[in-house]
Amino acid sequence: EGAQAWIREGVGLVLCRERLAGGVLAATNLFRQEAGRWRLFHHHA
């Protein structure tokens, strides 16, 4: 939930919350274009 997206110099950044039964995680997901679509290259929760 709460995803926010930014694109800078070919890198896509998404910040969001991951909600689990035991609590909440903050996640940073970094994407780049590969084969014509956005794909993850970094995930941190």
PDB file of all heavy atoms in Angstrom:
ATOM      1  N   GLU A   1       0.836  -1.204   0.000  1.00  0.00           N
ATOM      2  CA  GLU A   1       0.000   0.000   0.000  1.00  0.00           C
ATOM      3  C   GLU A   1       0.865   1.247   0.000  1.00  0.00           C
ATOM      4  O   GLU A   1       2.054   1.198   0.312  1.00  0.00           O
ATOM      5  CB  GLU A   1      -0.920   0.011   1.219  1.00  0.00           C
ATOM      6  CG  GLU A   1      -0.184  -0.017   2.530  1.00  0.00           C
ATOM      7  CD  GLU A   1      -1.096  -0.188   3.736  1.00  0.00           C
ATOM      8  OE1 GLU A   1      -2.130  -0.860   3.628  1.00  0.00           O
ATOM      9  OE2 GLU A   1      -0.743   0.357   4.796  1.00  0.00           O
ATOM     10  N   GLY A   2       0.246   2.354  -0.349  1.00  0.00           N
ATOM     11  CA  GLY A   2       0.896   3.656  -0.277  1.00  0.00           C
ATOM     12  C   GLY A   2       2.036   3.855  -1.252  1.00  0.00           C
ATOM     13  O   GLY A   2       2.939   4.649  -1.001  1.00  0.00           O
ATOM     14  N   ALA A   3       2.013   3.172  -2.380  1.00  0.00           N
ATOM     15  CA  ALA A   3       3.126   3.257  -3.330  1.00  0.00           C
ATOM     16  C   ALA A   3       3.249   4.657  -3.930  1.00  0.00           C
ATOM     17  O   ALA A   3       2.258   5.273  -4.307  1.00  0.00           O
ATOM     18  CB  ALA A   3       2.964   2.227  -4.437  1.00  0.00           C
ATOM     19  N   GLN A   4       4.486   5.125  -3.982  1.00  0.00           N
ATOM     20  CA  GLN A   4       4.832   6.392  -4.619  1.00  0.00           C
ATOM     21  C   GLN A   4       5.969   6.105  -5.595  1.00  0.00           C
ATOM     22  O   GLN A   4       6.886   5.355  -5.255  1.00  0.00           O
ATOM     23  CB  GLN A   4       5.301   7.411  -3.588  1.00  0.00           C
ATOM     24  CG  GLN A   4       4.273   7.738  -2.535  1.00  0.00           C
ATOM     25  CD  GLN A   4       4.849   8.632  -1.453  1.00  0.00           C
ATOM     26  OE1 GLN A   4       5.672   9.481  -1.705  1.00  0.00           O
ATOM     27  NE2 GLN A   4       4.397   8.429  -0.232  1.00  0.00           N
ATOM     28  N   ALA A   5       5.914   6.698  -6.771  1.00  0.00           N
ATOM     29  CA  ALA A   5       6.895   6.397  -7.807  1.00  0.00           C
ATOM     30  C   ALA A   5       7.587   7.654  -8.311  1.00  0.00           C
ATOM     31  O   ALA A   5       6.974   8.719  -8.409  1.00  0.00           O
ATOM     32  CB  ALA A   5       6.220   5.692  -8.981  1.00  0.00           C
ATOM     33  N   TRP A   6       8.878   7.496  -8.611  1.00  0.00           N
ATOM     34  CA  TRP A   6       9.677   8.537  -9.230  1.00  0.00           C
ATOM     35  C   TRP A   6      10.563   7.885 -10.282  1.00  0.00           C
ATOM     36  O   TRP A   6      10.999   6.749 -10.125  1.00  0.00           O
ATOM     37  CB  TRP A   6      10.605   9.223  -8.218  1.00  0.00           C
ATOM     38  CG  TRP A   6       9.890   9.950  -7.137  1.00  0.00           C
ATOM     39  CD1 TRP A   6       9.536  11.271  -7.114  1.00  0.00           C
ATOM     40  CD2 TRP A   6       9.454   9.419  -5.883  1.00  0.00           C
ATOM     41  NE1 TRP A   6       8.910  11.582  -5.930  1.00  0.00           N
ATOM     42  CE2 TRP A   6       8.847  10.462  -5.154  1.00  0.00           C
ATOM     43  CE3 TRP A   6       9.515   8.150  -5.293  1.00  0.00           C
ATOM     44  CZ2 TRP A   6       8.299  10.282  -3.885  1.00  0.00           C
ATOM     45  CZ3 TRP A   6       8.962   7.966  -4.038  1.00  0.00           C
ATOM     46  CH2 TRP A   6       8.371   9.033  -3.357  1.00  0.00           C
ATOM     47  N   ILE A   7      10.844   8.630 -11.331  1.00  0.00           N
ATOM     48  CA  ILE A   7      11.777   8.169 -12.360  1.00  0.00           C
ATOM     49  C   ILE A   7      12.810   9.251 -12.552  1.00  0.00           C
ATOM     50  O   ILE A   7      12.472  10.412 -12.800  1.00  0.00           O
ATOM     51  CB  ILE A   7      11.057   7.872 -13.691  1.00  0.00           C
ATOM     52  CG1 ILE A   7      10.010   6.765 -13.488  1.00  0.00           C
ATOM     53  CG2 ILE A   7      12.069   7.477 -14.767  1.00  0.00           C
ATOM     54  CD1 ILE A   7       9.112   6.550 -14.682  1.00  0.00           C
ATOM     55  N   ARG A   8      14.073   8.871 -12.427  1.00  0.00           N
ATOM     56  CA  ARG A   8      15.186   9.796 -12.616  1.00  0.00           C
ATOM     57  C   ARG A   8      16.313   9.083 -13.355  1.00  0.00           C
ATOM     58  O   ARG A   8      16.765   8.025 -12.917  1.00  0.00           O
ATOM     59  CB  ARG A   8      15.738  10.308 -11.280  1.00  0.00           C
ATOM     60  CG  ARG A   8      14.758  11.081 -10.415  1.00  0.00           C
ATOM     61  CD  ARG A   8      14.429  12.453 -11.028  1.00  0.00           C
ATOM     62  NE  ARG A   8      13.544  13.220 -10.178  1.00  0.00           N
ATOM     63  CZ  ARG A   8      12.222  13.137 -10.171  1.00  0.00           C
ATOM     64  NH1 ARG A   8      11.606  12.304 -10.972  1.00  0.00           N
ATOM     65  NH2 ARG A   8      11.495  13.894  -9.374  1.00  0.00           N
ATOM     66  N   GLU A   9      16.737   9.673 -14.459  1.00  0.00           N
ATOM     67  CA  GLU A   9      17.882   9.174 -15.221  1.00  0.00           C
ATOM     68  C   GLU A   9      17.805   7.673 -15.481  1.00  0.00           C
ATOM     69  O   GLU A   9      18.765   6.931 -15.299  1.00  0.00           O
ATOM     70  CB  GLU A   9      19.184   9.539 -14.505  1.00  0.00           C
ATOM     71  CG  GLU A   9      19.353  11.045 -14.374  1.00  0.00           C
ATOM     72  CD  GLU A   9      20.643  11.447 -13.684  1.00  0.00           C
ATOM     73  OE1 GLU A   9      21.578  10.641 -13.635  1.00  0.00           O
ATOM     74  OE2 GLU A   9      20.686  12.596 -13.205  1.00  0.00           O
ATOM     75  N   GLY A  10      16.622   7.212 -15.893  1.00  0.00           N
ATOM     76  CA  GLY A  10      16.443   5.819 -16.281  1.00  0.00           C
ATOM     77  C   GLY A  10      16.226   4.840 -15.142  1.00  0.00           C
ATOM     78  O   GLY A  10      16.104   3.638 -15.385  1.00  0.00           O
ATOM     79  N   VAL A  11      16.180   5.330 -13.919  1.00  0.00           N
ATOM     80  CA  VAL A  11      15.941   4.462 -12.765  1.00  0.00           C
ATOM     81  C   VAL A  11      14.578   4.798 -12.181  1.00  0.00           C
ATOM     82  O   VAL A  11      14.248   5.963 -11.960  1.00  0.00           O
ATOM     83  CB  VAL A  11      17.039   4.636 -11.690  1.00  0.00           C
ATOM     84  CG1 VAL A  11      16.703   3.857 -10.425  1.00  0.00           C
ATOM     85  CG2 VAL A  11      18.391   4.205 -12.234  1.00  0.00           C
ATOM     86  N   GLY A  12      13.784   3.767 -11.943  1.00  0.00           N
ATOM     87  CA  GLY A  12      12.489   3.932 -11.312  1.00  0.00           C
ATOM     88  C   GLY A  12      12.586   3.573  -9.844  1.00  0.00           C
ATOM     89  O   GLY A  12      13.135   2.526  -9.493  1.00  0.00           O
ATOM     90  N   LEU A  13      12.078   4.438  -9.002  1.00  0.00           N
ATOM     91  CA  LEU A  13      12.081   4.220  -7.552  1.00  0.00           C
ATOM     92  C   LEU A  13      10.635   4.157  -7.084  1.00  0.00           C
ATOM     93  O   LEU A  13       9.840   5.036  -7.394  1.00  0.00           O
ATOM     94  CB  LEU A  13      12.796   5.365  -6.835  1.00  0.00           C
ATOM     95  CG  LEU A  13      12.589   5.474  -5.322  1.00  0.00           C
ATOM     96  CD1 LEU A  13      13.166   4.273  -4.597  1.00  0.00           C
ATOM     97  CD2 LEU A  13      13.210   6.764  -4.804  1.00  0.00           C
ATOM     98  N   VAL A  14      10.301   3.095  -6.338  1.00  0.00           N
ATOM     99  CA  VAL A  14       8.993   2.986  -5.717  1.00  0.00           C
ATOM    100  C   VAL A  14       9.202   2.786  -4.226  1.00  0.00           C
ATOM    101  O   VAL A  14       9.927   1.883  -3.809  1.00  0.00           O
ATOM    102  CB  VAL A  14       8.154   1.826  -6.297  1.00  0.00           C
ATOM    103  CG1 VAL A  14       6.820   1.707  -5.555  1.00  0.00           C
ATOM    104  CG2 VAL A  14       7.921   2.013  -7.790  1.00  0.00           C
ATOM    105  N   LEU A  15       8.579   3.655  -3.438  1.00  0.00           N
ATOM    106  CA  LEU A  15       8.542   3.515  -1.987  1.00  0.00           C
ATOM    107  C   LEU A  15       7.129   3.089  -1.626  1.00  0.00           C
ATOM    108  O   LEU A  15       6.159   3.621  -2.177  1.00  0.00           O
ATOM    109  CB  LEU A  15       8.861   4.832  -1.292  1.00  0.00           C
ATOM    110  CG  LEU A  15      10.227   5.442  -1.579  1.00  0.00           C
ATOM    111  CD1 LEU A  15      10.363   6.775  -0.861  1.00  0.00           C
ATOM    112  CD2 LEU A  15      11.332   4.492  -1.173  1.00  0.00           C
ATOM    113  N   CYS A  16       7.015   2.116  -0.718  1.00  0.00           N
ATOM    114  CA  CYS A  16       5.693   1.657  -0.310  1.00  0.00           C
ATOM    115  C   CYS A  16       5.779   0.995   1.056  1.00  0.00           C
ATOM    116  O   CYS A  16       6.864   0.848   1.617  1.00  0.00           O
ATOM    117  CB  CYS A  16       5.102   0.692  -1.337  1.00  0.00           C
ATOM    118  SG  CYS A  16       6.041  -0.823  -1.586  1.00  0.00           S
ATOM    119  N   ARG A  17       4.614   0.641   1.580  1.00  0.00           N
ATOM    120  CA  ARG A  17       4.534  -0.132   2.812  1.00  0.00           C
ATOM    121  C   ARG A  17       4.125  -1.550   2.461  1.00  0.00           C
ATOM    122  O   ARG A  17       3.292  -1.762   1.574  1.00  0.00           O
ATOM    123  CB  ARG A  17       3.491   0.467   3.766  1.00  0.00           C
ATOM    124  CG  ARG A  17       3.918   1.754   4.410  1.00  0.00           C
ATOM    125  CD  ARG A  17       2.855   2.281   5.378  1.00  0.00           C
ATOM    126  NE  ARG A  17       1.531   2.432   4.769  1.00  0.00           N
ATOM    127  CZ  ARG A  17       1.168   3.462   4.018  1.00  0.00           C
ATOM    128  NH1 ARG A  17       2.019   4.441   3.764  1.00  0.00           N
ATOM    129  NH2 ARG A  17      -0.046   3.533   3.506  1.00  0.00           N
ATOM    130  N   GLU A  18       4.698  -2.501   3.166  1.00  0.00           N
ATOM    131  CA  GLU A  18       4.285  -3.890   3.087  1.00  0.00           C
ATOM    132  C   GLU A  18       3.578  -4.196   4.406  1.00  0.00           C
ATOM    133  O   GLU A  18       4.156  -4.036   5.474  1.00  0.00           O
ATOM    134  CB  GLU A  18       5.489  -4.816   2.915  1.00  0.00           C
ATOM    135  CG  GLU A  18       6.256  -4.570   1.652  1.00  0.00           C
ATOM    136  CD  GLU A  18       7.489  -5.450   1.509  1.00  0.00           C
ATOM    137  OE1 GLU A  18       7.855  -6.178   2.460  1.00  0.00           O
ATOM    138  OE2 GLU A  18       8.105  -5.397   0.425  1.00  0.00           O
ATOM    139  N   ARG A  19       2.321  -4.598   4.309  1.00  0.00           N
ATOM    140  CA  ARG A  19       1.546  -4.878   5.518  1.00  0.00           C
ATOM    141  C   ARG A  19       1.445  -6.388   5.686  1.00  0.00           C
ATOM    142  O   ARG A  19       0.985  -7.095   4.806  1.00  0.00           O
ATOM    143  CB  ARG A  19       0.167  -4.256   5.424  1.00  0.00           C
ATOM    144  CG  ARG A  19      -0.569  -4.334   6.744  1.00  0.00           C
ATOM    145  CD  ARG A  19      -1.741  -3.396   6.813  1.00  0.00           C
ATOM    146  NE  ARG A  19      -1.433  -1.995   6.689  1.00  0.00           N
ATOM    147  CZ  ARG A  19      -1.051  -1.199   7.703  1.00  0.00           C
ATOM    148  NH1 ARG A  19      -0.868  -1.696   8.899  1.00  0.00           N
ATOM    149  NH2 ARG A  19      -0.844   0.087   7.488  1.00  0.00           N
ATOM    150  N   LEU A  20       1.923  -6.857   6.851  1.00  0.00           N
ATOM    151  CA  LEU A  20       1.861  -8.269   7.217  1.00  0.00           C
ATOM    152  C   LEU A  20       1.046  -8.381   8.497  1.00  0.00           C
ATOM    153  O   LEU A  20       0.837  -7.381   9.192  1.00  0.00           O
ATOM    154  CB  LEU A  20       3.265  -8.820   7.480  1.00  0.00           C
ATOM    155  CG  LEU A  20       4.225  -8.737   6.310  1.00  0.00           C
ATOM    156  CD1 LEU A  20       5.234  -7.646   6.537  1.00  0.00           C
ATOM    157  CD2 LEU A  20       4.912 -10.057   6.148  1.00  0.00           C
ATOM    158  N   ALA A  21       0.646  -9.596   8.846  1.00  0.00           N
ATOM    159  CA  ALA A  21      -0.130  -9.803  10.066  1.00  0.00           C
ATOM    160  C   ALA A  21       0.625  -9.285  11.288  1.00  0.00           C
ATOM    161  O   ALA A  21       0.030  -8.743  12.206  1.00  0.00           O
ATOM    162  CB  ALA A  21      -0.464 -11.276  10.232  1.00  0.00           C
ATOM    163  N   GLY A  22       1.945  -9.409  11.300  1.00  0.00           N
ATOM    164  CA  GLY A  22       2.736  -9.017  12.455  1.00  0.00           C
ATOM    165  C   GLY A  22       3.233  -7.585  12.465  1.00  0.00           C
ATOM    166  O   GLY A  22       3.912  -7.177  13.397  1.00  0.00           O
ATOM    167  N   GLY A  23       2.922  -6.806  11.448  1.00  0.00           N
ATOM    168  CA  GLY A  23       3.403  -5.435  11.440  1.00  0.00           C
ATOM    169  C   GLY A  23       3.518  -4.853  10.050  1.00  0.00           C
ATOM    170  O   GLY A  23       2.967  -5.370   9.090  1.00  0.00           O
ATOM    171  N   VAL A  24       4.312  -3.792   9.974  1.00  0.00           N
ATOM    172  CA  VAL A  24       4.464  -3.044   8.728  1.00  0.00           C
ATOM    173  C   VAL A  24       5.946  -2.933   8.394  1.00  0.00           C
ATOM    174  O   VAL A  24       6.779  -2.697   9.268  1.00  0.00           O
ATOM    175  CB  VAL A  24       3.850  -1.628   8.870  1.00  0.00           C
ATOM    176  CG1 VAL A  24       4.042  -0.825   7.598  1.00  0.00           C
ATOM    177  CG2 VAL A  24       2.381  -1.717   9.228  1.00  0.00           C
ATOM    178  N   LEU A  25       6.259  -3.112   7.117  1.00  0.00           N
ATOM    179  CA  LEU A  25       7.611  -2.917   6.608  1.00  0.00           C
ATOM    180  C   LEU A  25       7.595  -1.745   5.642  1.00  0.00           C
ATOM    181  O   LEU A  25       6.609  -1.532   4.931  1.00  0.00           O
ATOM    182  CB  LEU A  25       8.105  -4.164   5.870  1.00  0.00           C
ATOM    183  CG  LEU A  25       8.091  -5.489   6.630  1.00  0.00           C
ATOM    184  CD1 LEU A  25       8.486  -6.625   5.705  1.00  0.00           C
ATOM    185  CD2 LEU A  25       8.999  -5.434   7.832  1.00  0.00           C
ATOM    186  N   ALA A  26       8.671  -0.992   5.614  1.00  0.00           N
ATOM    187  CA  ALA A  26       8.867   0.024   4.583  1.00  0.00           C
ATOM    188  C   ALA A  26       9.718  -0.638   3.500  1.00  0.00           C
ATOM    189  O   ALA A  26      10.684  -1.348   3.810  1.00  0.00           O
ATOM    190  CB  ALA A  26       9.581   1.241   5.146  1.00  0.00           C
ATOM    191  N   ALA A  27       9.351  -0.438   2.254  1.00  0.00           N
ATOM    192  CA  ALA A  27      10.090  -1.069   1.156  1.00  0.00           C
ATOM    193  C   ALA A  27      10.558  -0.027   0.153  1.00  0.00           C
ATOM    194  O   ALA A  27       9.855   0.938  -0.143  1.00  0.00           O
ATOM    195  CB  ALA A  27       9.214  -2.095   0.443  1.00  0.00           C
ATOM    196  N   THR A  28      11.759  -0.251  -0.332  1.00  0.00           N
ATOM    197  CA  THR A  28      12.338   0.523  -1.413  1.00  0.00           C
ATOM    198  C   THR A  28      12.576  -0.447  -2.561  1.00  0.00           C
ATOM    199  O   THR A  28      13.296  -1.438  -2.395  1.00  0.00           O
ATOM    200  CB  THR A  28      13.680   1.151  -0.990  1.00  0.00           C
ATOM    201  OG1 THR A  28      13.473   1.930   0.176  1.00  0.00           O
ATOM    202  CG2 THR A  28      14.263   1.998  -2.092  1.00  0.00           C
ATOM    203  N   ASN A  29      11.960  -0.188  -3.699  1.00  0.00           N
ATOM    204  CA  ASN A  29      12.108  -1.030  -4.881  1.00  0.00           C
ATOM    205  C   ASN A  29      12.656  -0.185  -6.022  1.00  0.00           C
ATOM    206  O   ASN A  29      12.078   0.834  -6.374  1.00  0.00           O
ATOM    207  CB  ASN A  29      10.757  -1.641  -5.273  1.00  0.00           C
ATOM    208  CG  ASN A  29      10.212  -2.539  -4.183  1.00  0.00           C
ATOM    209  OD1 ASN A  29      10.936  -3.316  -3.581  1.00  0.00           O
ATOM    210  ND2 ASN A  29       8.921  -2.425  -3.916  1.00  0.00           N
ATOM    211  N   LEU A  30      13.780  -0.616  -6.558  1.00  0.00           N
ATOM    212  CA  LEU A  30      14.408   0.087  -7.671  1.00  0.00           C
ATOM    213  C   LEU A  30      14.246  -0.736  -8.943  1.00  0.00           C
ATOM    214  O   LEU A  30      14.471  -1.952  -8.940  1.00  0.00           O
ATOM    215  CB  LEU A  30      15.894   0.321  -7.396  1.00  0.00           C
ATOM    216  CG  LEU A  30      16.202   1.218  -6.199  1.00  0.00           C
ATOM    217  CD1 LEU A  30      17.713   1.257  -5.957  1.00  0.00           C
ATOM    218  CD2 LEU A  30      15.659   2.610  -6.417  1.00  0.00           C
ATOM    219  N   PHE A  31      13.887  -0.058 -10.019  1.00  0.00           N
ATOM    220  CA  PHE A  31      13.627  -0.696 -11.302  1.00  0.00           C
ATOM    221  C   PHE A  31      14.455  -0.025 -12.390  1.00  0.00           C
ATOM    222  O   PHE A  31      14.821   1.143 -12.279  1.00  0.00           O
ATOM    223  CB  PHE A  31      12.144  -0.520 -11.685  1.00  0.00           C
ATOM    224  CG  PHE A  31      11.173  -1.193 -10.775  1.00  0.00           C
ATOM    225  CD1 PHE A  31      10.795  -0.605  -9.572  1.00  0.00           C
ATOM    226  CD2 PHE A  31      10.587  -2.394 -11.138  1.00  0.00           C
ATOM    227  CE1 PHE A  31       9.868  -1.204  -8.733  1.00  0.00           C
ATOM    228  CE2 PHE A  31       9.653  -3.004 -10.307  1.00  0.00           C
ATOM    229  CZ  PHE A  31       9.295  -2.413  -9.108  1.00  0.00           C
ATOM    230  N   ARG A  32      14.687  -0.777 -13.447  1.00  0.00           N
ATOM    231  CA  ARG A  32      15.243  -0.203 -14.674  1.00  0.00           C
ATOM    232  C   ARG A  32      14.547  -0.885 -15.845  1.00  0.00           C
ATOM    233  O   ARG A  32      13.963  -1.955 -15.704  1.00  0.00           O
ATOM    234  CB  ARG A  32      16.765  -0.380 -14.728  1.00  0.00           C
ATOM    235  CG  ARG A  32      17.245  -1.791 -14.822  1.00  0.00           C
ATOM    236  CD  ARG A  32      18.783  -1.841 -14.919  1.00  0.00           C
ATOM    237  NE  ARG A  32      19.231  -3.208 -14.913  1.00  0.00           N
ATOM    238  CZ  ARG A  32      20.021  -3.752 -14.000  1.00  0.00           C
ATOM    239  NH1 ARG A  32      20.467  -3.027 -13.004  1.00  0.00           N
ATOM    240  NH2 ARG A  32      20.375  -5.017 -14.084  1.00  0.00           N
ATOM    241  N   GLN A  33      14.617  -0.226 -16.988  1.00  0.00           N
ATOM    242  CA  GLN A  33      14.005  -0.778 -18.190  1.00  0.00           C
ATOM    243  C   GLN A  33      14.856  -1.937 -18.700  1.00  0.00           C
ATOM    244  O   GLN A  33      16.074  -1.823 -18.820  1.00  0.00           O
ATOM    245  CB  GLN A  33      13.904   0.295 -19.265  1.00  0.00           C
ATOM    246  CG  GLN A  33      12.875   1.354 -18.985  1.00  0.00           C
ATOM    247  CD  GLN A  33      11.472   0.916 -19.376  1.00  0.00           C
ATOM    248  OE1 GLN A  33      11.280   0.033 -20.196  1.00  0.00           O
ATOM    249  NE2 GLN A  33      10.491   1.546 -18.772  1.00  0.00           N
ATOM    250  N   GLU A  34      14.194  -3.044 -18.975  1.00  0.00           N
ATOM    251  CA  GLU A  34      14.865  -4.199 -19.565  1.00  0.00           C
ATOM    252  C   GLU A  34      13.844  -4.897 -20.456  1.00  0.00           C
ATOM    253  O   GLU A  34      12.732  -5.177 -20.009  1.00  0.00           O
ATOM    254  CB  GLU A  34      15.378  -5.140 -18.474  1.00  0.00           C
ATOM    255  CG  GLU A  34      16.202  -6.293 -19.018  1.00  0.00           C
ATOM    256  CD  GLU A  34      16.687  -7.220 -17.920  1.00  0.00           C
ATOM    257  OE1 GLU A  34      15.930  -8.146 -17.548  1.00  0.00           O
ATOM    258  OE2 GLU A  34      17.791  -6.997 -17.415  1.00  0.00           O
ATOM    259  N   ALA A  35      14.200  -5.134 -21.682  1.00  0.00           N
ATOM    260  CA  ALA A  35      13.300  -5.776 -22.653  1.00  0.00           C
ATOM    261  C   ALA A  35      11.972  -5.033 -22.745  1.00  0.00           C
ATOM    262  O   ALA A  35      10.901  -5.633 -22.827  1.00  0.00           O
ATOM    263  CB  ALA A  35      13.097  -7.249 -22.309  1.00  0.00           C
ATOM    264  N   GLY A  36      12.044  -3.679 -22.691  1.00  0.00           N
ATOM    265  CA  GLY A  36      10.867  -2.859 -22.891  1.00  0.00           C
ATOM    266  C   GLY A  36       9.919  -2.747 -21.719  1.00  0.00           C
ATOM    267  O   GLY A  36       8.796  -2.262 -21.884  1.00  0.00           O
ATOM    268  N   ARG A  37      10.351  -3.192 -20.531  1.00  0.00           N
ATOM    269  CA  ARG A  37       9.476  -3.061 -19.360  1.00  0.00           C
ATOM    270  C   ARG A  37      10.296  -2.803 -18.107  1.00  0.00           C
ATOM    271  O   ARG A  37      11.494  -3.064 -18.068  1.00  0.00           O
ATOM    272  CB  ARG A  37       8.599  -4.285 -19.185  1.00  0.00           C
ATOM    273  CG  ARG A  37       9.375  -5.578 -19.016  1.00  0.00           C
ATOM    274  CD  ARG A  37       8.470  -6.758 -18.881  1.00  0.00           C
ATOM    275  NE  ARG A  37       8.118  -6.931 -17.481  1.00  0.00           N
ATOM    276  CZ  ARG A  37       7.782  -8.073 -16.936  1.00  0.00           C
ATOM    277  NH1 ARG A  37       7.696  -9.147 -17.678  1.00  0.00           N
ATOM    278  NH2 ARG A  37       7.499  -8.158 -15.672  1.00  0.00           N
ATOM    279  N   TRP A  38       9.632  -2.261 -17.096  1.00  0.00           N
ATOM    280  CA  TRP A  38      10.289  -2.012 -15.823  1.00  0.00           C
ATOM    281  C   TRP A  38      10.466  -3.325 -15.067  1.00  0.00           C
ATOM    282  O   TRP A  38       9.506  -4.088 -14.916  1.00  0.00           O
ATOM    283  CB  TRP A  38       9.464  -1.046 -14.968  1.00  0.00           C
ATOM    284  CG  TRP A  38       9.447   0.346 -15.494  1.00  0.00           C
ATOM    285  CD1 TRP A  38       8.423   0.955 -16.152  1.00  0.00           C
ATOM    286  CD2 TRP A  38      10.497   1.315 -15.390  1.00  0.00           C
ATOM    287  NE1 TRP A  38       8.779   2.250 -16.485  1.00  0.00           N
ATOM    288  CE2 TRP A  38      10.048   2.494 -16.021  1.00  0.00           C
ATOM    289  CE3 TRP A  38      11.774   1.305 -14.839  1.00  0.00           C
ATOM    290  CZ2 TRP A  38      10.820   3.642 -16.109  1.00  0.00           C
ATOM    291  CZ3 TRP A  38      12.547   2.438 -14.915  1.00  0.00           C
ATOM    292  CH2 TRP A  38      12.082   3.591 -15.548  1.00  0.00           C
ATOM    293  N   ARG A  39      11.715  -3.582 -14.632  1.00  0.00           N
ATOM    294  CA  ARG A  39      12.015  -4.784 -13.844  1.00  0.00           C
ATOM    295  C   ARG A  39      12.868  -4.390 -12.650  1.00  0.00           C
ATOM    296  O   ARG A  39      13.707  -3.484 -12.732  1.00  0.00           O
ATOM    297  CB  ARG A  39      12.766  -5.816 -14.685  1.00  0.00           C
ATOM    298  CG  ARG A  39      11.947  -6.409 -15.802  1.00  0.00           C
ATOM    299  CD  ARG A  39      12.785  -7.430 -16.565  1.00  0.00           C
ATOM    300  NE  ARG A  39      12.168  -7.802 -17.803  1.00  0.00           N
ATOM    301  CZ  ARG A  39      11.617  -8.994 -18.038  1.00  0.00           C
ATOM    302  NH1 ARG A  39      11.605  -9.904 -17.102  1.00  0.00           N
ATOM    303  NH2 ARG A  39      11.082  -9.255 -19.203  1.00  0.00           N
ATOM    304  N   LEU A  40      12.663  -5.108 -11.561  1.00  0.00           N
ATOM    305  CA  LEU A  40      13.419  -4.862 -10.332  1.00  0.00           C
ATOM    306  C   LEU A  40      14.898  -5.171 -10.488  1.00  0.00           C
ATOM    307  O   LEU A  40      15.269  -6.159 -11.125  1.00  0.00           O
ATOM    308  CB  LEU A  40      12.906  -5.769  -9.210  1.00  0.00           C
ATOM    309  CG  LEU A  40      11.680  -5.325  -8.450  1.00  0.00           C
ATOM    310  CD1 LEU A  40      11.073  -6.511  -7.719  1.00  0.00           C
ATOM    311  CD2 LEU A  40      12.043  -4.240  -7.463  1.00  0.00           C
ATOM    312  N   PHE A  41      15.724  -4.330  -9.869  1.00  0.00           N
ATOM    313  CA  PHE A  41      17.125  -4.696  -9.700  1.00  0.00           C
ATOM    314  C   PHE A  41      17.551  -4.548  -8.242  1.00  0.00           C
ATOM    315  O   PHE A  41      18.645  -4.957  -7.857  1.00  0.00           O
ATOM    316  CB  PHE A  41      18.063  -3.931 -10.646  1.00  0.00           C
ATOM    317  CG  PHE A  41      18.255  -2.469 -10.341  1.00  0.00           C
ATOM    318  CD1 PHE A  41      19.289  -2.046  -9.514  1.00  0.00           C
ATOM    319  CD2 PHE A  41      17.418  -1.519 -10.901  1.00  0.00           C
ATOM    320  CE1 PHE A  41      19.474  -0.701  -9.251  1.00  0.00           C
ATOM    321  CE2 PHE A  41      17.604  -0.175 -10.644  1.00  0.00           C
ATOM    322  CZ  PHE A  41      18.632   0.238  -9.813  1.00  0.00           C
ATOM    323  N   HIS A  42      16.656  -4.000  -7.410  1.00  0.00           N
ATOM    324  CA  HIS A  42      16.950  -3.865  -5.981  1.00  0.00           C
ATOM    325  C   HIS A  42      15.648  -3.836  -5.191  1.00  0.00           C
ATOM    326  O   HIS A  42      14.720  -3.105  -5.549  1.00  0.00           O
ATOM    327  CB  HIS A  42      17.737  -2.582  -5.714  1.00  0.00           C
ATOM    328  CG  HIS A  42      17.966  -2.307  -4.260  1.00  0.00           C
ATOM    329  ND1 HIS A  42      18.979  -2.881  -3.554  1.00  0.00           N
ATOM    330  CD2 HIS A  42      17.289  -1.535  -3.382  1.00  0.00           C
ATOM    331  CE1 HIS A  42      18.943  -2.460  -2.294  1.00  0.00           C
ATOM    332  NE2 HIS A  42      17.905  -1.640  -2.163  1.00  0.00           N
ATOM    333  N   HIS A  43      15.586  -4.635  -4.140  1.00  0.00           N
ATOM    334  CA  HIS A  43      14.448  -4.626  -3.213  1.00  0.00           C
ATOM    335  C   HIS A  43      15.009  -4.619  -1.802  1.00  0.00           C
ATOM    336  O   HIS A  43      15.922  -5.383  -1.480  1.00  0.00           O
ATOM    337  CB  HIS A  43      13.573  -5.869  -3.413  1.00  0.00           C
ATOM    338  CG  HIS A  43      12.571  -6.077  -2.318  1.00  0.00           C
ATOM    339  ND1 HIS A  43      11.458  -5.288  -2.175  1.00  0.00           N
ATOM    340  CD2 HIS A  43      12.529  -6.980  -1.311  1.00  0.00           C
ATOM    341  CE1 HIS A  43      10.765  -5.710  -1.118  1.00  0.00           C
ATOM    342  NE2 HIS A  43      11.401  -6.733  -0.574  1.00  0.00           N
ATOM    343  N   HIS A  44      14.478  -3.734  -0.965  1.00  0.00           N
ATOM    344  CA  HIS A  44      14.882  -3.663   0.437  1.00  0.00           C
ATOM    345  C   HIS A  44      13.640  -3.410   1.266  1.00  0.00           C
ATOM    346  O   HIS A  44      12.920  -2.449   1.028  1.00  0.00           O
ATOM    347  CB  HIS A  44      15.901  -2.545   0.645  1.00  0.00           C
ATOM    348  CG  HIS A  44      16.354  -2.385   2.058  1.00  0.00           C
ATOM    349  ND1 HIS A  44      16.982  -1.260   2.493  1.00  0.00           N
ATOM    350  CD2 HIS A  44      16.266  -3.193   3.140  1.00  0.00           C
ATOM    351  CE1 HIS A  44      17.277  -1.382   3.781  1.00  0.00           C
ATOM    352  NE2 HIS A  44      16.836  -2.546   4.192  1.00  0.00           N
ATOM    353  N   ALA A  45      13.387  -4.277   2.244  1.00  0.00           N
ATOM    354  CA  ALA A  45      12.255  -4.103   3.153  1.00  0.00           C
ATOM    355  C   ALA A  45      12.770  -4.176   4.583  1.00  0.00           C
ATOM    356  O   ALA A  45      13.620  -5.001   4.906  1.00  0.00           O
ATOM    357  CB  ALA A  45      11.207  -5.183   2.909  1.00  0.00           C
TER     358      ALA A  45
END
